[in-house]
N, C-alpha and C. Protein backbone atom coordinates (compact mmCIF):
# COMPACT_ATOMS: atom_id res chain seq x y z
N VAL A 1 -7.74 15.07 4.49
CA VAL A 1 -7.57 13.97 3.75
C VAL A 1 -8.07 13.08 4.52
N GLN A 2 -8.74 11.97 4.31
CA GLN A 2 -8.80 10.66 5.13
C GLN A 2 -8.74 9.63 4.14
N LEU A 3 -8.09 8.52 4.26
CA LEU A 3 -7.34 7.21 3.60
C LEU A 3 -8.33 6.13 4.39
N GLN A 4 -9.02 5.29 3.47
CA GLN A 4 -10.00 4.21 3.68
C GLN A 4 -9.39 3.19 2.93
N ALA A 5 -8.57 2.11 3.74
CA ALA A 5 -8.22 1.11 3.24
C ALA A 5 -9.01 -0.21 3.31
N SER A 6 -9.13 -1.17 2.18
CA SER A 6 -9.75 -2.31 2.11
C SER A 6 -9.62 -3.46 1.37
N GLY A 7 -10.13 -4.59 1.34
CA GLY A 7 -9.59 -5.78 0.32
C GLY A 7 -8.86 -6.83 0.77
N GLY A 8 -8.39 -6.58 2.16
CA GLY A 8 -7.56 -7.66 2.67
C GLY A 8 -8.63 -8.87 2.80
N GLY A 9 -7.72 -10.25 3.34
CA GLY A 9 -8.59 -11.14 3.60
C GLY A 9 -7.61 -12.53 3.93
N LEU A 10 -8.02 -13.64 3.91
CA LEU A 10 -7.35 -14.75 3.95
C LEU A 10 -7.31 -15.39 2.68
N VAL A 11 -6.20 -15.97 2.07
CA VAL A 11 -5.83 -16.34 0.76
C VAL A 11 -4.63 -17.44 1.27
N GLN A 12 -5.15 -18.56 -0.05
CA GLN A 12 -3.75 -19.50 -0.09
C GLN A 12 -2.42 -18.70 -0.70
N ALA A 13 -1.51 -19.57 -0.31
CA ALA A 13 -0.05 -19.46 -1.08
C ALA A 13 -0.36 -19.31 -2.38
N GLY A 14 0.16 -18.31 -3.05
CA GLY A 14 0.13 -18.31 -4.53
C GLY A 14 -1.35 -17.67 -4.97
N GLY A 15 -1.80 -17.42 -4.02
CA GLY A 15 -3.41 -16.60 -4.31
C GLY A 15 -3.05 -15.20 -4.72
N SER A 16 -4.32 -14.54 -4.92
CA SER A 16 -3.97 -13.26 -5.25
C SER A 16 -5.12 -12.21 -4.37
N LEU A 17 -4.89 -11.29 -4.35
CA LEU A 17 -5.56 -10.01 -3.52
C LEU A 17 -5.44 -8.56 -3.89
N ARG A 18 -6.39 -7.98 -4.27
CA ARG A 18 -5.85 -6.50 -4.54
C ARG A 18 -6.46 -5.48 -3.67
N LEU A 19 -5.68 -4.95 -3.16
CA LEU A 19 -6.14 -3.33 -1.70
C LEU A 19 -6.38 -2.39 -2.37
N SER A 20 -7.55 -1.58 -1.83
CA SER A 20 -7.70 -0.22 -2.32
C SER A 20 -7.63 0.81 -1.28
N CYS A 21 -6.92 1.73 -1.63
CA CYS A 21 -6.96 2.79 -0.74
C CYS A 21 -7.73 4.12 -1.49
N ALA A 22 -8.83 4.30 -0.76
CA ALA A 22 -9.40 5.23 -1.48
C ALA A 22 -9.33 7.03 -0.42
N ALA A 23 -8.67 7.62 -0.94
CA ALA A 23 -8.65 9.13 -0.56
C ALA A 23 -9.93 10.08 -0.41
N SER A 24 -10.31 10.81 0.39
CA SER A 24 -11.58 11.73 0.01
C SER A 24 -10.98 13.02 0.98
N GLY A 25 -11.42 14.25 0.48
CA GLY A 25 -11.05 15.50 0.84
C GLY A 25 -10.69 16.47 -0.09
N SER A 26 -10.80 17.63 0.41
CA SER A 26 -10.40 18.81 -0.46
C SER A 26 -8.82 18.61 -1.32
N ALA A 27 -8.19 18.26 -0.37
CA ALA A 27 -6.63 18.20 -0.54
C ALA A 27 -6.11 16.66 -0.96
N SER A 28 -7.02 15.63 -1.69
CA SER A 28 -6.55 14.55 -2.06
C SER A 28 -5.34 14.41 -3.07
N GLY A 29 -5.65 15.43 -4.03
CA GLY A 29 -4.44 14.95 -5.11
C GLY A 29 -3.40 15.88 -4.77
N SER A 30 -2.99 16.17 -3.32
CA SER A 30 -1.68 16.95 -3.28
C SER A 30 -0.66 15.83 -2.37
N TYR A 31 -1.03 14.58 -2.44
CA TYR A 31 -0.30 13.70 -1.88
C TYR A 31 0.48 12.77 -3.16
N ALA A 32 1.54 12.03 -2.49
CA ALA A 32 1.58 10.66 -2.93
C ALA A 32 1.41 9.81 -2.14
N MET A 33 1.22 8.56 -3.03
CA MET A 33 0.83 7.26 -1.89
C MET A 33 1.74 6.37 -1.89
N GLY A 34 1.97 5.13 -0.79
CA GLY A 34 2.29 4.45 -0.45
C GLY A 34 1.65 3.23 0.21
N TRP A 35 2.24 1.97 0.32
CA TRP A 35 1.95 1.14 1.51
C TRP A 35 2.82 0.56 2.12
N PHE A 36 2.75 0.25 3.45
CA PHE A 36 3.33 -0.39 4.26
C PHE A 36 2.46 -1.26 4.76
N ARG A 37 3.48 -2.40 5.60
CA ARG A 37 2.96 -3.58 6.07
C ARG A 37 3.71 -3.70 7.73
N GLN A 38 2.83 -4.14 8.50
CA GLN A 38 3.67 -4.65 9.57
C GLN A 38 2.85 -6.17 9.98
N ALA A 39 3.58 -6.79 10.52
CA ALA A 39 3.70 -8.40 10.86
C ALA A 39 3.36 -8.24 12.37
N PRO A 40 2.96 -9.36 13.14
CA PRO A 40 3.23 -9.21 14.37
C PRO A 40 4.74 -9.27 15.12
N GLY A 41 4.91 -8.44 15.88
CA GLY A 41 6.28 -8.67 16.77
C GLY A 41 7.25 -7.99 15.57
N LYS A 42 6.87 -7.26 14.38
CA LYS A 42 8.13 -6.54 13.50
C LYS A 42 7.64 -5.36 13.11
N GLU A 43 8.56 -4.75 13.16
CA GLU A 43 8.40 -3.21 12.46
C GLU A 43 7.75 -3.10 11.23
N ARG A 44 7.24 -1.87 10.70
CA ARG A 44 6.43 -1.58 9.87
C ARG A 44 7.38 -1.34 8.63
N GLU A 45 7.29 -1.92 7.88
CA GLU A 45 8.09 -1.94 6.45
C GLU A 45 7.33 -1.49 5.32
N PHE A 46 8.26 -0.68 4.39
CA PHE A 46 7.99 -0.49 3.23
C PHE A 46 7.52 -1.17 2.19
N VAL A 47 6.36 -1.13 1.55
CA VAL A 47 5.76 -2.47 0.63
C VAL A 47 5.78 -1.62 -0.72
N ALA A 48 5.27 -0.57 -1.10
CA ALA A 48 5.31 0.13 -2.69
C ALA A 48 4.81 1.47 -2.43
N ALA A 49 5.45 2.13 -3.19
CA ALA A 49 4.87 3.59 -3.32
C ALA A 49 4.79 3.99 -5.00
N ASN A 50 4.24 5.39 -5.10
CA ASN A 50 4.51 5.93 -6.47
C ASN A 50 5.10 7.33 -6.17
N ASN A 51 5.47 8.11 -7.36
CA ASN A 51 6.15 9.23 -7.37
C ASN A 51 5.17 10.27 -7.29
N TRP A 52 5.44 11.33 -6.92
CA TRP A 52 4.35 12.56 -7.22
C TRP A 52 3.79 12.69 -8.31
N ASP A 53 4.67 12.24 -9.25
CA ASP A 53 3.39 12.54 -10.55
C ASP A 53 2.62 11.14 -10.68
N GLY A 54 3.15 10.30 -10.19
CA GLY A 54 2.26 8.82 -9.97
C GLY A 54 2.18 8.01 -11.53
N ASP A 55 3.64 8.36 -12.08
CA ASP A 55 4.06 7.62 -13.45
C ASP A 55 5.13 6.52 -13.35
N ILE A 56 5.56 6.60 -12.26
CA ILE A 56 6.67 5.38 -11.51
C ILE A 56 6.10 5.10 -10.51
N SER A 57 6.25 3.68 -10.42
CA SER A 57 6.47 3.06 -9.27
C SER A 57 7.36 2.62 -7.92
N TYR A 58 7.70 2.32 -6.92
CA TYR A 58 8.60 1.60 -6.47
C TYR A 58 8.18 0.74 -5.54
N TYR A 59 8.95 -0.65 -5.34
CA TYR A 59 8.53 -1.97 -4.79
C TYR A 59 9.90 -2.22 -3.68
N ALA A 60 9.45 -2.67 -2.71
CA ALA A 60 10.46 -3.78 -1.68
C ALA A 60 10.99 -4.44 -2.44
N GLU A 61 12.25 -4.99 -2.43
CA GLU A 61 12.67 -6.18 -2.78
C GLU A 61 11.80 -7.49 -3.13
N SER A 62 11.33 -7.47 -1.82
CA SER A 62 10.62 -8.81 -1.14
C SER A 62 8.98 -8.90 -1.64
N VAL A 63 8.82 -8.06 -2.81
CA VAL A 63 7.32 -8.06 -3.27
C VAL A 63 7.75 -7.69 -4.54
N LYS A 64 8.94 -7.38 -5.18
CA LYS A 64 8.94 -6.77 -6.82
C LYS A 64 8.63 -7.60 -7.48
N ASP A 65 8.13 -7.58 -8.82
CA ASP A 65 7.43 -8.57 -9.61
C ASP A 65 5.96 -9.52 -9.25
N ARG A 66 5.53 -9.39 -7.73
CA ARG A 66 4.53 -10.08 -7.43
C ARG A 66 3.42 -8.98 -7.30
N PHE A 67 3.79 -7.62 -6.76
CA PHE A 67 2.87 -6.68 -6.79
C PHE A 67 3.04 -5.61 -7.52
N THR A 68 1.99 -5.10 -7.75
CA THR A 68 1.72 -3.72 -8.90
C THR A 68 0.76 -2.89 -8.12
N LEU A 69 1.38 -1.44 -8.20
CA LEU A 69 0.81 -0.60 -7.95
C LEU A 69 -0.14 -0.12 -9.08
N SER A 70 -1.22 0.69 -8.71
CA SER A 70 -1.88 1.29 -9.80
C SER A 70 -2.68 2.28 -9.34
N LYS A 71 -3.13 3.39 -10.12
CA LYS A 71 -4.24 4.47 -9.54
C LYS A 71 -5.35 4.40 -10.59
N ASP A 72 -6.40 5.04 -9.83
CA ASP A 72 -7.32 5.65 -10.40
C ASP A 72 -7.59 7.04 -10.30
N ASN A 73 -7.14 8.19 -10.86
CA ASN A 73 -7.64 9.39 -10.51
C ASN A 73 -8.89 10.09 -10.37
N ALA A 74 -10.21 9.46 -11.16
CA ALA A 74 -11.39 9.83 -11.23
C ALA A 74 -11.92 9.54 -9.62
N LYS A 75 -11.11 8.08 -9.17
CA LYS A 75 -11.49 7.69 -7.96
C LYS A 75 -11.25 7.95 -6.82
N ASN A 76 -10.10 8.83 -7.43
CA ASN A 76 -9.09 9.21 -6.17
C ASN A 76 -8.49 7.80 -5.24
N THR A 77 -8.13 6.76 -6.15
CA THR A 77 -8.29 5.53 -5.57
C THR A 77 -6.94 4.89 -5.63
N VAL A 78 -6.13 4.66 -5.09
CA VAL A 78 -4.68 3.70 -5.31
C VAL A 78 -5.19 2.09 -4.96
N TYR A 79 -4.38 1.25 -5.75
CA TYR A 79 -4.71 0.08 -5.60
C TYR A 79 -3.50 -0.84 -5.64
N LEU A 80 -3.25 -1.72 -4.81
CA LEU A 80 -2.43 -2.70 -4.77
C LEU A 80 -2.58 -4.05 -4.81
N GLN A 81 -1.94 -4.53 -6.44
CA GLN A 81 -2.51 -6.03 -6.87
C GLN A 81 -1.34 -6.57 -6.20
N MET A 82 -1.65 -7.83 -5.59
CA MET A 82 -0.93 -8.60 -4.70
C MET A 82 -1.27 -10.13 -5.56
N ASP A 83 0.18 -10.51 -6.23
CA ASP A 83 -0.08 -11.96 -6.88
C ASP A 83 1.21 -12.81 -6.17
N SER A 84 0.95 -14.02 -6.65
CA SER A 84 1.77 -14.91 -6.04
C SER A 84 2.08 -14.69 -4.65
N LEU A 85 0.81 -14.69 -3.48
CA LEU A 85 1.11 -14.46 -2.11
C LEU A 85 1.57 -15.58 -1.95
N LYS A 86 2.96 -15.16 -0.38
CA LYS A 86 3.19 -16.03 0.24
C LYS A 86 3.08 -15.82 1.68
N PRO A 87 3.43 -16.81 2.69
CA PRO A 87 2.91 -16.68 3.94
C PRO A 87 3.45 -15.70 4.39
N GLU A 88 4.83 -15.37 4.38
CA GLU A 88 5.56 -14.08 4.84
C GLU A 88 4.98 -12.73 4.35
N ASP A 89 4.01 -12.60 3.59
CA ASP A 89 3.16 -11.31 2.99
C ASP A 89 2.36 -11.14 4.44
N THR A 90 1.91 -11.94 5.04
CA THR A 90 1.27 -11.67 6.04
C THR A 90 1.28 -10.39 6.97
N ALA A 91 0.42 -9.94 7.20
CA ALA A 91 0.48 -8.44 7.49
C ALA A 91 -0.64 -7.85 7.74
N VAL A 92 -0.67 -6.51 8.17
CA VAL A 92 -1.61 -5.41 8.38
C VAL A 92 -1.04 -4.48 7.52
N TYR A 93 -1.80 -4.16 6.05
CA TYR A 93 -1.25 -3.46 5.13
C TYR A 93 -1.94 -2.12 5.49
N HIS A 94 -1.13 -0.93 5.50
CA HIS A 94 -1.62 0.37 5.55
C HIS A 94 -1.25 1.08 4.09
N CYS A 95 -2.29 1.57 3.93
CA CYS A 95 -2.31 2.65 2.76
C CYS A 95 -1.42 4.13 3.51
N ALA A 96 -0.67 4.98 3.12
CA ALA A 96 -0.53 6.27 3.33
C ALA A 96 -0.15 7.46 2.48
N ALA A 97 -0.06 8.53 2.95
CA ALA A 97 0.20 9.70 1.79
C ALA A 97 1.11 10.35 2.30
N ARG A 98 2.00 11.19 1.76
CA ARG A 98 3.27 11.99 2.08
C ARG A 98 3.29 12.93 1.02
N PRO A 99 3.73 14.16 1.35
CA PRO A 99 3.63 15.47 0.97
C PRO A 99 4.65 15.34 -0.06
N ARG A 100 5.10 16.28 -1.08
CA ARG A 100 6.13 16.06 -2.24
C ARG A 100 7.48 16.30 -1.49
N PHE A 101 8.50 15.92 -1.78
CA PHE A 101 10.04 15.87 -1.89
C PHE A 101 10.39 15.21 -0.59
N ARG A 102 9.40 14.39 0.04
CA ARG A 102 9.71 13.23 0.92
C ARG A 102 10.06 11.93 0.35
N ASP A 103 10.95 11.14 1.29
CA ASP A 103 11.65 9.82 0.88
C ASP A 103 10.49 8.91 0.70
N TYR A 104 10.36 8.35 -0.10
CA TYR A 104 9.19 7.42 -0.08
C TYR A 104 9.23 5.80 0.50
N LYS A 105 10.37 5.76 0.99
CA LYS A 105 10.87 4.64 1.94
C LYS A 105 10.56 4.64 2.96
N LEU A 106 10.58 5.97 3.69
CA LEU A 106 10.29 6.06 5.25
C LEU A 106 9.14 6.36 5.38
N ALA A 107 8.68 5.65 6.83
CA ALA A 107 7.57 5.75 7.23
C ALA A 107 7.13 7.13 7.48
N ARG A 108 8.46 7.73 8.23
CA ARG A 108 8.08 9.16 8.84
C ARG A 108 7.67 10.18 7.71
N SER A 109 8.09 9.50 6.60
CA SER A 109 7.75 10.76 5.49
C SER A 109 5.98 11.10 5.28
N TYR A 110 5.20 10.11 5.72
CA TYR A 110 3.99 10.01 5.60
C TYR A 110 3.50 10.69 6.50
N SER A 111 2.52 11.65 6.11
CA SER A 111 1.84 12.37 7.21
C SER A 111 0.31 11.94 7.75
N LEU A 112 -0.35 11.08 6.42
CA LEU A 112 -1.66 10.77 6.54
C LEU A 112 -1.58 9.14 6.75
N TRP A 113 -2.27 8.22 7.22
CA TRP A 113 -2.32 7.17 7.36
C TRP A 113 -3.61 6.53 7.34
N GLY A 114 -4.02 5.63 6.21
CA GLY A 114 -5.13 4.44 6.63
C GLY A 114 -5.11 3.68 7.93
N GLN A 115 -6.28 2.88 7.99
CA GLN A 115 -6.73 1.98 9.14
C GLN A 115 -5.88 1.09 8.80
N GLY A 116 -5.68 0.65 7.64
CA GLY A 116 -4.92 -0.96 8.14
C GLY A 116 -5.95 -2.19 7.37
N THR A 117 -5.49 -2.89 6.64
CA THR A 117 -6.21 -4.10 6.35
C THR A 117 -5.81 -5.32 6.72
N GLN A 118 -6.17 -6.37 7.02
CA GLN A 118 -5.44 -7.57 7.36
C GLN A 118 -5.33 -8.33 6.27
N VAL A 119 -4.30 -8.81 5.77
CA VAL A 119 -3.76 -9.84 4.83
C VAL A 119 -3.17 -11.08 5.60
N THR A 120 -3.91 -12.60 5.18
CA THR A 120 -3.16 -13.60 5.93
C THR A 120 -3.33 -14.52 4.49
N VAL A 121 -2.20 -15.07 4.78
CA VAL A 121 -1.63 -15.92 3.36
C VAL A 121 -1.13 -17.12 4.15
N SER A 122 -2.24 -18.33 4.13
CA SER A 122 -1.82 -19.87 4.55
C SER A 122 -0.99 -20.65 3.47
N SER A 123 -0.20 -21.37 4.23
CA SER A 123 0.51 -22.38 3.61
C SER A 123 -0.08 -23.57 3.00
């Protein structure tokens, strides 16, 4: 399985971006998805993830009520809609896939990672 993230860019504070993560490969339906981000000089942190069935989404407190996770099963693609963006949301965003029964909040639970897409929010 390969993950391809896209959709990053430069946006002003208060603006919106939608990130996409397309999964390809024969086993692409055997994982649950998540998003992490890493700002310069900081550790990678959890942003959002769905459960195995894909019907429940989890969010970090810092993005709750601003970010929305969704998926298109037909396209094997997960989206992260980011609204009301803040300068502190600036980071490289990575999508990742984890096997079942792994803790969605932990980066080490994820066995597959996309290449990352840069999000820059200007003040």
